Amino acid sequence: MSTRLPISPTRKPLRVGLAILAVLMLCIFLWKMIFDPPSHGYAYLLWLMGTLCCLIIIMLDLFVAARKQLIAKALQEKDLNSLSYALNFGWMGSWKLNLLSSEVTLSKEFMTLLGEEPKETSMVFSTYMQRFVPPDTHGKLKEMLILAMENRHNPDFEASFDHPIRRRNGSIAHIFVRAKIMNENEGFGIARDITDLKTAETELALKEKRFRLLAEYSDDIISEHKPNSEFVYISPSVKKILGYAPEEIEGRTVLEFLHPEDIHKFAPTSQYLDAFNTRDNLIVRYRMRTRQGTYTWLESIVKPIKENGKVTGVISTSRDITERKIYEDEVKQNKELLRTVIDSTPDWIFIKDNDFKFRLVNQGFANALNKSPEDFIGKSDIEVGFPEEAVMGNKEMGIHGFHEDDAQVLQTGKSKMVIEESYILNGRRITMSVVKVPVLDADKKKVTGILGYAHD
């Protein structure tokens, strides 16, 4: 592309005037030479020098103008090269469309996007589609061409769209095109490679689809909340567990459905949001009101959504644990009942693990040693105050240590009864009748401890 140097509004008349003056002086000089020769030779020289001065001034002016034009052209080429580099670097290219002939001219940068040799190329629009556009997109481009033709007289008309292209190596890429009508005969546009963006969008759409499938077919309730606990989304499984349709809950807060005794676990003023500063998730158990007015126990794993270190929302996965909670309450109640029973007898009841450490003692055993039951947990017989010879035995003194009996029960898995087990404790001799029974694991295959019962 060439550009002419703008001519100064005063330079052109000056140049023309000097040319006319030089021609006039030359004509006078020739006329004088032929028809009226001067009497002195200096006159010839003066006329000739004047003519030459005018010609020299004109030539110098033309030289300066030409040099400036060359400099301007060099700067323009530099700018064009910079623009071309910027387009290539940004994976962009330009094109022009002749609205009369439907001929499209693709810049060398555009050709690079197509995987072709980087040189400006012109072709009919239909040829462009056949070579570079997948068939299922032809209809879309034809519609855009018709729309441009219909708006060819509208200089404000602009359009933008994206479409796939087929590169020379057969791979499929995506470009975003922005077009504008320049005049009634020509349109111009810029194309940008958005393949990476399209790939990311496709992957995101696939992940969203998988999430929706997971949410819709999971038995757990999956929900998204604002920091104030308002439901943004809740999965359809809420219908099965709580009886509500998703639209009945979305837009409302968790606090509206909680049991009054559990509201403090989710209130914005509570510590549950602050806890996310040190933890990646929270596990919360609470009761939620069903559509029938009853309450169901839920256990939720709550994970924060953070932006710039600030919690902007939470994702929650909730499971119905009503039956488990009932079972746990029953177990707890039975455990408390059992504890009451074993603490009500003055006999000693205890459980030891494989390392001969106490896991449980009743109140009667603890009272005998002036301790609390908690003082025994994790300690051995010697550590809680039994004499070492009574525990480990002493053959020279004829003392049989009860540690040996414990070891026998653990090794054989068989119960053992000791009729008399005597030792001095807290300054007085105590004689006990002891029964020791192996404690088995859930599969009843491995001995995990000893259950003992001692009667004074």
Protein backbone atom coordinates (compact mmCIF):
# COMPACT_ATOMS: atom_id res chain seq x y z
CA MET A 1 0.00 0.00 0.00
CA SER A 2 1.49 3.36 -1.01
CA THR A 3 0.80 6.76 0.47
CA ARG A 4 1.46 10.13 -1.16
CA LEU A 5 3.00 12.86 0.93
CA PRO A 6 0.51 15.68 1.56
CA ILE A 7 1.55 18.83 -0.36
CA SER A 8 1.69 22.10 1.59
CA PRO A 9 -0.97 24.58 0.41
CA THR A 10 1.79 27.24 -0.18
CA ARG A 11 4.46 24.98 -1.65
CA LYS A 12 2.66 24.01 -4.85
CA PRO A 13 1.90 27.64 -5.98
CA LEU A 14 5.53 28.58 -5.17
CA ARG A 15 6.84 25.69 -7.21
CA VAL A 16 4.55 26.57 -10.15
CA GLY A 17 5.52 30.24 -9.93
CA LEU A 18 9.22 29.43 -10.00
CA ALA A 19 8.70 27.16 -13.00
CA ILE A 20 6.80 29.88 -14.88
CA LEU A 21 9.49 32.42 -13.99
CA ALA A 22 12.25 30.09 -15.21
CA VAL A 23 10.42 29.42 -18.50
CA LEU A 24 9.74 33.13 -18.95
CA MET A 25 13.38 34.03 -18.34
CA LEU A 26 14.50 31.30 -20.69
CA CYS A 27 12.15 32.56 -23.43
CA ILE A 28 13.34 36.17 -22.94
CA PHE A 29 16.93 34.94 -23.01
CA LEU A 30 16.38 33.10 -26.32
CA TRP A 31 14.39 36.00 -27.81
CA LYS A 32 17.18 38.41 -26.90
CA MET A 33 19.77 36.07 -28.30
CA ILE A 34 17.97 35.87 -31.65
CA PHE A 35 16.26 39.19 -32.19
CA ASP A 36 17.95 41.72 -29.90
CA PRO A 37 21.46 40.63 -28.89
CA PRO A 38 22.75 42.66 -25.92
CA SER A 39 25.79 44.85 -26.35
CA HIS A 40 27.54 43.31 -23.30
CA GLY A 41 28.32 39.59 -22.75
CA TYR A 42 27.45 39.88 -19.05
CA ALA A 43 23.78 40.16 -19.91
CA TYR A 44 23.76 36.68 -21.36
CA LEU A 45 25.30 35.33 -18.17
CA LEU A 46 22.82 37.11 -15.92
CA TRP A 47 19.79 35.80 -17.85
CA LEU A 48 21.24 32.29 -17.85
CA MET A 49 22.11 32.33 -14.13
CA GLY A 50 18.60 33.50 -13.22
CA THR A 51 17.05 30.70 -15.22
CA LEU A 52 19.38 28.10 -13.66
CA CYS A 53 18.67 29.39 -10.13
CA CYS A 54 14.92 28.93 -10.66
CA LEU A 55 15.47 25.41 -12.00
CA ILE A 56 17.82 24.53 -9.12
CA ILE A 57 15.33 25.78 -6.54
CA ILE A 58 12.59 23.70 -8.15
CA MET A 59 14.78 20.58 -8.22
CA LEU A 60 15.83 21.05 -4.58
CA ASP A 61 12.21 21.42 -3.58
CA LEU A 62 11.27 18.27 -5.47
CA PHE A 63 14.22 16.42 -3.90
CA VAL A 64 13.22 17.45 -0.37
CA ALA A 65 9.59 16.48 -1.03
CA ALA A 66 10.61 13.11 -2.47
CA ARG A 67 12.88 12.40 0.51
CA LYS A 68 10.11 13.22 2.96
CA GLN A 69 7.79 10.94 1.03
CA LEU A 70 10.32 8.10 1.22
CA ILE A 71 10.72 8.64 4.97
CA ALA A 72 6.93 8.64 5.44
CA LYS A 73 6.65 5.45 3.39
CA ALA A 74 9.37 3.77 5.46
CA LEU A 75 7.60 4.77 8.69
CA GLN A 76 4.32 3.49 7.33
CA GLU A 77 5.89 0.17 6.39
CA LYS A 78 7.36 -0.04 9.87
CA ASP A 79 3.93 0.61 11.36
CA LEU A 80 2.39 -2.00 9.05
CA ASN A 81 5.04 -4.52 10.08
CA SER A 82 4.37 -3.75 13.74
CA LEU A 83 0.63 -4.14 13.13
CA SER A 84 1.25 -7.42 11.30
CA TYR A 85 3.37 -8.65 14.20
CA ALA A 86 0.69 -7.61 16.67
CA LEU A 87 -1.98 -9.41 14.66
CA ASN A 88 0.14 -12.56 14.43
CA PHE A 89 1.06 -12.38 18.10
CA GLY A 90 -2.59 -11.99 19.05
CA TRP A 91 -3.72 -14.70 16.62
CA MET A 92 -5.72 -12.17 14.62
CA GLY A 93 -6.20 -11.40 10.95
CA SER A 94 -8.18 -9.00 8.76
CA TRP A 95 -10.33 -9.41 5.65
CA LYS A 96 -12.20 -7.32 3.10
CA LEU A 97 -15.38 -8.29 1.27
CA ASN A 98 -16.50 -6.85 -2.05
CA LEU A 99 -20.27 -6.72 -1.69
CA LEU A 100 -20.76 -6.52 -5.48
CA SER A 101 -18.60 -9.46 -6.55
CA SER A 102 -18.68 -11.42 -3.28
CA GLU A 103 -14.90 -11.58 -3.45
CA VAL A 104 -13.15 -11.81 -0.10
CA THR A 105 -9.54 -10.70 0.41
CA LEU A 106 -7.76 -12.36 3.31
CA SER A 107 -4.70 -10.77 4.90
CA LYS A 108 -1.54 -12.79 5.35
CA GLU A 109 -2.27 -12.90 9.09
CA PHE A 110 -5.71 -14.37 8.36
CA MET A 111 -4.10 -16.95 6.09
CA THR A 112 -1.79 -17.87 8.98
CA LEU A 113 -4.88 -18.52 11.13
CA LEU A 114 -6.04 -20.92 8.40
CA GLY A 115 -2.71 -22.73 8.45
CA GLU A 116 -1.88 -21.50 4.96
CA GLU A 117 1.13 -19.71 3.52
CA PRO A 118 1.21 -16.16 4.98
CA LYS A 119 0.40 -14.06 1.93
CA GLU A 120 -2.59 -11.91 1.06
CA THR A 121 -5.12 -13.98 -0.92
CA SER A 122 -8.36 -13.18 -2.73
CA MET A 123 -11.11 -15.65 -3.60
CA VAL A 124 -14.84 -15.85 -4.06
CA PHE A 125 -16.70 -16.16 -0.78
CA SER A 126 -18.18 -19.52 -1.77
CA THR A 127 -14.65 -20.84 -2.40
CA TYR A 128 -13.61 -19.68 1.05
CA MET A 129 -16.48 -21.65 2.58
CA GLN A 130 -15.73 -24.78 0.57
CA ARG A 131 -12.02 -24.73 1.51
CA PHE A 132 -12.04 -23.61 5.11
CA VAL A 133 -15.52 -23.88 6.66
CA PRO A 134 -17.18 -27.16 7.77
CA PRO A 135 -20.39 -27.82 5.80
CA ASP A 136 -22.70 -27.57 8.80
CA THR A 137 -21.67 -23.90 9.22
CA HIS A 138 -22.26 -22.82 5.59
CA GLY A 139 -25.84 -21.82 6.29
CA LYS A 140 -24.82 -19.51 9.13
CA LEU A 141 -22.22 -17.70 6.98
CA LYS A 142 -24.65 -17.35 4.05
CA GLU A 143 -27.16 -15.73 6.39
CA MET A 144 -24.50 -13.28 7.57
CA LEU A 145 -23.58 -12.46 3.94
CA ILE A 146 -27.23 -11.82 3.06
CA LEU A 147 -27.59 -9.63 6.15
CA ALA A 148 -24.52 -7.60 5.10
CA MET A 149 -25.92 -7.17 1.58
CA GLU A 150 -29.22 -5.96 2.98
CA ASN A 151 -27.41 -3.36 5.12
CA ARG A 152 -24.81 -2.25 2.56
CA HIS A 153 -26.24 1.29 2.58
CA ASN A 154 -26.08 1.50 6.38
CA PRO A 155 -22.59 2.75 7.40
CA ASP A 156 -23.38 2.02 11.07
CA PHE A 157 -24.06 -1.68 10.50
CA GLU A 158 -21.79 -4.03 12.47
CA ALA A 159 -21.97 -7.74 13.14
CA SER A 160 -20.03 -10.22 15.23
CA PHE A 161 -20.15 -14.00 15.33
CA ASP A 162 -17.94 -17.04 15.69
CA HIS A 163 -17.63 -20.15 13.59
CA PRO A 164 -15.34 -23.15 13.16
CA ILE A 165 -12.68 -23.30 10.44
CA ARG A 166 -10.89 -26.27 8.92
CA ARG A 167 -7.15 -25.71 8.74
CA ARG A 168 -4.84 -27.03 6.09
CA ASN A 169 -3.72 -29.93 8.30
CA GLY A 170 -7.35 -31.00 8.83
CA SER A 171 -7.64 -29.75 12.41
CA ILE A 172 -10.68 -27.73 13.48
CA ALA A 173 -10.20 -24.30 15.04
CA HIS A 174 -12.63 -21.52 16.02
CA ILE A 175 -12.48 -17.85 15.11
CA PHE A 176 -14.43 -14.84 16.31
CA VAL A 177 -15.30 -12.41 13.51
CA ARG A 178 -16.30 -8.76 13.82
CA ALA A 179 -17.49 -7.06 10.60
CA LYS A 180 -18.41 -3.51 9.59
CA ILE A 181 -19.78 -1.93 6.42
CA MET A 182 -17.23 0.57 5.10
CA ASN A 183 -19.30 1.76 2.13
CA GLU A 184 -22.00 0.37 -0.11
CA ASN A 185 -19.46 -1.74 -2.01
CA GLU A 186 -17.09 -2.96 0.68
CA GLY A 187 -17.07 -4.54 4.11
CA PHE A 188 -14.13 -4.96 6.47
CA GLY A 189 -13.54 -7.21 9.43
CA ILE A 190 -11.16 -8.64 12.00
CA ALA A 191 -10.93 -12.33 12.92
CA ARG A 192 -9.41 -13.69 16.13
CA ASP A 193 -8.49 -17.26 17.02
CA ILE A 194 -10.62 -18.38 20.01
CA THR A 195 -9.87 -22.10 19.82
CA ASP A 196 -8.49 -22.23 23.38
CA LEU A 197 -11.51 -20.30 24.67
CA LYS A 198 -13.92 -22.64 22.86
CA THR A 199 -12.08 -25.67 24.23
CA ALA A 200 -12.34 -24.25 27.75
CA GLU A 201 -16.05 -23.51 27.24
CA THR A 202 -16.64 -27.04 25.99
CA GLU A 203 -14.82 -28.55 28.97
CA LEU A 204 -16.75 -26.28 31.34
CA ALA A 205 -20.05 -27.23 29.72
CA LEU A 206 -19.12 -30.91 30.02
CA LYS A 207 -18.25 -30.47 33.70
CA GLU A 208 -21.52 -28.63 34.30
CA LYS A 209 -23.42 -31.43 32.56
CA ARG A 210 -21.68 -34.04 34.71
CA PHE A 211 -22.43 -32.00 37.81
CA ARG A 212 -26.10 -31.74 36.85
CA LEU A 213 -26.28 -35.47 36.21
CA LEU A 214 -24.58 -36.15 39.53
CA ALA A 215 -26.88 -33.74 41.33
CA GLU A 216 -30.05 -35.04 39.68
CA TYR A 217 -29.34 -38.75 40.17
CA SER A 218 -27.61 -38.62 43.57
CA ASP A 219 -29.54 -39.61 46.67
CA ASP A 220 -27.70 -36.87 48.56
CA ILE A 221 -28.87 -33.26 48.48
CA ILE A 222 -26.37 -31.04 46.65
CA SER A 223 -26.88 -27.32 47.15
CA GLU A 224 -25.19 -23.97 46.59
CA HIS A 225 -25.64 -21.09 49.02
CA LYS A 226 -24.82 -17.43 49.40
CA PRO A 227 -22.82 -16.46 52.53
CA ASN A 228 -26.12 -15.60 54.28
CA SER A 229 -27.21 -19.27 53.76
CA GLU A 230 -29.69 -18.41 50.98
CA PHE A 231 -30.22 -21.29 48.54
CA VAL A 232 -28.95 -20.52 45.03
CA TYR A 233 -29.41 -24.08 43.77
CA ILE A 234 -30.63 -27.35 45.26
CA SER A 235 -30.74 -30.75 43.58
CA PRO A 236 -34.01 -32.60 42.82
CA SER A 237 -33.22 -35.21 45.50
CA VAL A 238 -34.57 -32.74 48.07
CA LYS A 239 -38.03 -33.88 46.96
CA LYS A 240 -37.32 -37.44 48.07
CA ILE A 241 -35.74 -36.51 51.42
CA LEU A 242 -37.65 -33.41 52.56
CA GLY A 243 -40.70 -33.40 50.27
CA TYR A 244 -40.04 -29.97 48.74
CA ALA A 245 -39.67 -29.17 45.05
CA PRO A 246 -36.40 -27.30 44.34
CA GLU A 247 -38.23 -24.10 43.40
CA GLU A 248 -39.92 -24.08 46.81
CA ILE A 249 -36.53 -23.76 48.51
CA GLU A 250 -34.35 -21.78 46.09
CA GLY A 251 -34.24 -18.12 47.08
CA ARG A 252 -34.94 -18.88 50.74
CA THR A 253 -32.42 -19.35 53.55
CA VAL A 254 -31.53 -22.48 55.48
CA LEU A 255 -32.56 -20.70 58.67
CA GLU A 256 -36.22 -20.84 57.59
CA PHE A 257 -36.20 -24.66 57.72
CA LEU A 258 -33.93 -25.40 60.70
CA HIS A 259 -34.98 -26.76 64.05
CA PRO A 260 -34.85 -23.86 66.56
CA GLU A 261 -32.12 -25.61 68.56
CA ASP A 262 -29.87 -25.87 65.46
CA ILE A 263 -30.15 -22.33 64.09
CA HIS A 264 -26.96 -21.24 65.86
CA LYS A 265 -24.97 -23.66 63.67
CA PHE A 266 -25.79 -21.68 60.50
CA ALA A 267 -26.50 -18.13 61.67
CA PRO A 268 -24.30 -15.58 59.78
CA THR A 269 -23.18 -14.23 63.16
CA SER A 270 -21.92 -17.65 64.27
CA GLN A 271 -18.44 -19.05 63.80
CA TYR A 272 -19.18 -21.32 60.85
CA LEU A 273 -18.06 -18.83 58.18
CA ASP A 274 -15.01 -17.78 60.19
CA ALA A 275 -14.00 -21.43 60.47
CA PHE A 276 -13.36 -21.55 56.70
CA ASN A 277 -10.31 -19.34 57.21
CA THR A 278 -8.50 -22.30 58.78
CA ARG A 279 -10.37 -25.32 57.34
CA ASP A 280 -11.30 -26.49 53.85
CA ASN A 281 -14.67 -27.89 54.93
CA LEU A 282 -17.03 -28.33 57.83
CA ILE A 283 -19.22 -31.26 58.84
CA VAL A 284 -22.48 -30.15 60.40
CA ARG A 285 -25.35 -32.20 61.82
CA TYR A 286 -28.73 -30.56 62.17
CA ARG A 287 -32.47 -31.07 61.89
CA MET A 288 -34.40 -29.69 58.94
CA ARG A 289 -38.18 -29.35 58.67
CA THR A 290 -39.88 -31.48 56.04
CA ARG A 291 -42.90 -30.45 54.00
CA GLN A 292 -45.06 -32.53 56.37
CA GLY A 293 -43.84 -30.50 59.37
CA THR A 294 -41.64 -33.20 60.92
CA TYR A 295 -37.87 -32.91 61.27
CA THR A 296 -35.22 -34.98 59.51
CA TRP A 297 -31.61 -35.26 60.64
CA LEU A 298 -29.10 -34.24 57.96
CA GLU A 299 -25.31 -34.40 57.93
CA SER A 300 -23.73 -31.84 55.57
CA ILE A 301 -20.20 -31.45 54.29
CA VAL A 302 -19.91 -27.72 53.65
CA LYS A 303 -17.09 -26.38 51.45
CA PRO A 304 -16.43 -22.67 50.83
CA ILE A 305 -16.32 -20.88 47.46
CA LYS A 306 -13.55 -18.30 47.76
CA GLU A 307 -12.59 -15.32 45.59
CA ASN A 308 -9.49 -13.33 46.51
CA GLY A 309 -9.43 -15.05 49.87
CA LYS A 310 -13.02 -14.07 50.71
CA VAL A 311 -15.89 -16.54 51.12
CA THR A 312 -18.48 -15.70 48.44
CA GLY A 313 -20.63 -18.79 48.84
CA VAL A 314 -20.68 -22.43 49.94
CA ILE A 315 -21.33 -25.82 48.36
CA SER A 316 -23.07 -28.36 50.56
CA THR A 317 -23.57 -32.10 50.21
CA SER A 318 -26.21 -33.33 52.66
CA ARG A 319 -27.27 -36.85 53.60
CA ASP A 320 -30.26 -38.13 55.54
CA ILE A 321 -28.89 -39.62 58.78
CA THR A 322 -32.16 -39.92 60.66
CA GLU A 323 -31.93 -43.71 61.03
CA ARG A 324 -28.25 -43.51 61.94
CA LYS A 325 -29.00 -40.80 64.51
CA ILE A 326 -31.73 -42.93 66.05
CA TYR A 327 -29.29 -45.86 66.20
CA GLU A 328 -26.55 -43.69 67.69
CA ASP A 329 -28.95 -42.36 70.30
CA GLU A 330 -29.98 -45.92 71.17
CA VAL A 331 -26.35 -46.99 71.44
CA LYS A 332 -25.60 -43.99 73.61
CA GLN A 333 -28.61 -44.73 75.80
CA ASN A 334 -27.65 -48.41 76.12
CA LYS A 335 -24.07 -47.42 76.90
CA GLU A 336 -25.25 -45.07 79.64
CA LEU A 337 -27.55 -47.78 80.97
CA LEU A 338 -24.73 -50.32 80.98
CA ARG A 339 -22.49 -47.83 82.72
CA THR A 340 -25.13 -47.30 85.37
CA VAL A 341 -25.40 -51.05 85.93
CA ILE A 342 -21.66 -51.70 86.24
CA ASP A 343 -21.17 -48.65 88.46
CA SER A 344 -23.92 -49.80 90.81
CA THR A 345 -22.02 -52.91 91.97
CA PRO A 346 -19.19 -52.80 94.51
CA ASP A 347 -17.39 -55.58 92.61
CA TRP A 348 -14.55 -54.64 90.30
CA ILE A 349 -15.22 -54.61 86.54
CA PHE A 350 -12.54 -53.63 84.08
CA ILE A 351 -11.40 -53.96 80.45
CA LYS A 352 -7.76 -54.00 79.33
CA ASP A 353 -6.27 -53.87 75.82
CA ASN A 354 -3.51 -56.07 74.34
CA ASP A 355 -0.87 -53.86 75.99
CA PHE A 356 -2.42 -54.46 79.41
CA LYS A 357 -3.64 -50.85 79.57
CA PHE A 358 -7.02 -50.07 81.10
CA ARG A 359 -9.77 -49.08 78.65
CA LEU A 360 -12.61 -49.10 81.20
CA VAL A 361 -13.13 -49.52 84.95
CA ASN A 362 -16.29 -49.23 87.00
CA GLN A 363 -16.85 -46.91 89.92
CA GLY A 364 -16.42 -49.72 92.50
CA PHE A 365 -12.90 -50.50 91.19
CA ALA A 366 -11.99 -46.81 91.13
CA ASN A 367 -13.28 -46.27 94.68
CA ALA A 368 -11.08 -49.10 95.97
CA LEU A 369 -8.00 -47.19 94.81
CA ASN A 370 -9.37 -43.76 95.76
CA LYS A 371 -9.43 -42.65 92.12
CA SER A 372 -11.94 -41.77 89.46
CA PRO A 373 -12.61 -44.15 86.52
CA GLU A 374 -10.99 -41.65 84.16
CA ASP A 375 -7.70 -41.89 86.10
CA PHE A 376 -7.27 -45.49 84.92
CA ILE A 377 -7.70 -45.01 81.16
CA GLY A 378 -4.50 -45.73 79.21
CA LYS A 379 -2.52 -46.80 82.29
CA SER A 380 -1.15 -50.15 83.45
CA ASP A 381 -1.78 -51.88 86.79
CA ILE A 382 1.52 -50.65 88.24
CA GLU A 383 0.84 -47.08 87.08
CA VAL A 384 -2.48 -46.97 88.94
CA GLY A 385 -0.93 -48.21 92.21
CA PHE A 386 -0.79 -52.03 92.28
CA PRO A 387 2.44 -53.47 93.80
CA GLU A 388 4.91 -54.64 91.16
CA GLU A 389 5.27 -58.14 92.69
CA ALA A 390 1.46 -58.52 92.60
CA VAL A 391 1.42 -57.61 88.93
CA MET A 392 4.60 -59.29 87.62
CA GLY A 393 4.93 -61.97 90.30
CA ASN A 394 7.90 -63.00 92.48
CA LYS A 395 8.93 -66.64 92.51
CA GLU A 396 11.30 -66.21 95.49
CA MET A 397 8.42 -64.84 97.56
CA GLY A 398 5.98 -67.38 96.09
CA ILE A 399 3.79 -64.69 94.54
CA HIS A 400 1.93 -65.46 91.32
CA GLY A 401 1.49 -62.22 89.35
CA PHE A 402 -1.85 -61.63 87.62
CA HIS A 403 -0.01 -60.25 84.55
CA GLU A 404 0.69 -63.87 83.63
CA ASP A 405 -3.03 -64.69 83.76
CA ASP A 406 -3.81 -61.71 81.52
CA ALA A 407 -1.22 -62.86 78.99
CA GLN A 408 -2.64 -66.40 78.98
CA VAL A 409 -6.16 -65.16 78.19
CA LEU A 410 -4.84 -62.95 75.37
CA GLN A 411 -2.76 -65.76 73.84
CA THR A 412 -5.26 -68.63 74.12
CA GLY A 413 -8.51 -66.71 73.69
CA LYS A 414 -9.96 -68.72 76.57
CA SER A 415 -11.51 -67.55 79.81
CA LYS A 416 -9.66 -68.01 83.09
CA MET A 417 -10.92 -68.09 86.67
CA VAL A 418 -8.66 -67.34 89.61
CA ILE A 419 -10.22 -68.53 92.89
CA GLU A 420 -7.98 -66.42 95.07
CA GLU A 421 -5.83 -63.48 94.02
CA SER A 422 -4.26 -61.84 97.06
CA TYR A 423 -2.10 -58.71 97.41
CA ILE A 424 -1.60 -55.71 99.67
CA LEU A 425 -3.26 -52.54 98.46
CA ASN A 426 -3.36 -49.21 100.29
CA GLY A 427 -1.87 -50.86 103.42
CA ARG A 428 -4.31 -53.75 103.71
CA ARG A 429 -4.40 -57.23 102.26
CA ILE A 430 -7.12 -57.87 99.68
CA THR A 431 -8.17 -61.26 98.42
CA MET A 432 -10.27 -61.38 95.26
CA SER A 433 -11.98 -64.05 93.18
CA VAL A 434 -11.38 -63.06 89.56
CA VAL A 435 -12.86 -64.11 86.23
CA LYS A 436 -11.08 -62.97 83.05
CA VAL A 437 -12.74 -63.30 79.64
CA PRO A 438 -11.25 -62.52 76.19
CA VAL A 439 -12.74 -59.57 74.27
CA LEU A 440 -13.06 -60.36 70.54
CA ASP A 441 -13.27 -58.06 67.49
CA ALA A 442 -16.42 -57.65 65.38
CA ASP A 443 -15.63 -60.79 63.38
CA LYS A 444 -15.02 -62.73 66.62
CA LYS A 445 -11.69 -63.95 65.29
CA LYS A 446 -9.12 -61.80 67.02
CA VAL A 447 -8.64 -61.10 70.73
CA THR A 448 -8.50 -57.35 71.30
CA GLY A 449 -8.52 -57.26 75.12
CA ILE A 450 -9.61 -58.69 78.45
CA LEU A 451 -12.83 -58.26 80.41
CA GLY A 452 -12.35 -58.83 84.11
CA TYR A 453 -14.73 -59.28 87.01
CA ALA A 454 -13.35 -59.39 90.57
CA HIS A 455 -15.32 -60.17 93.74
CA ASP A 456 -13.98 -59.49 97.20
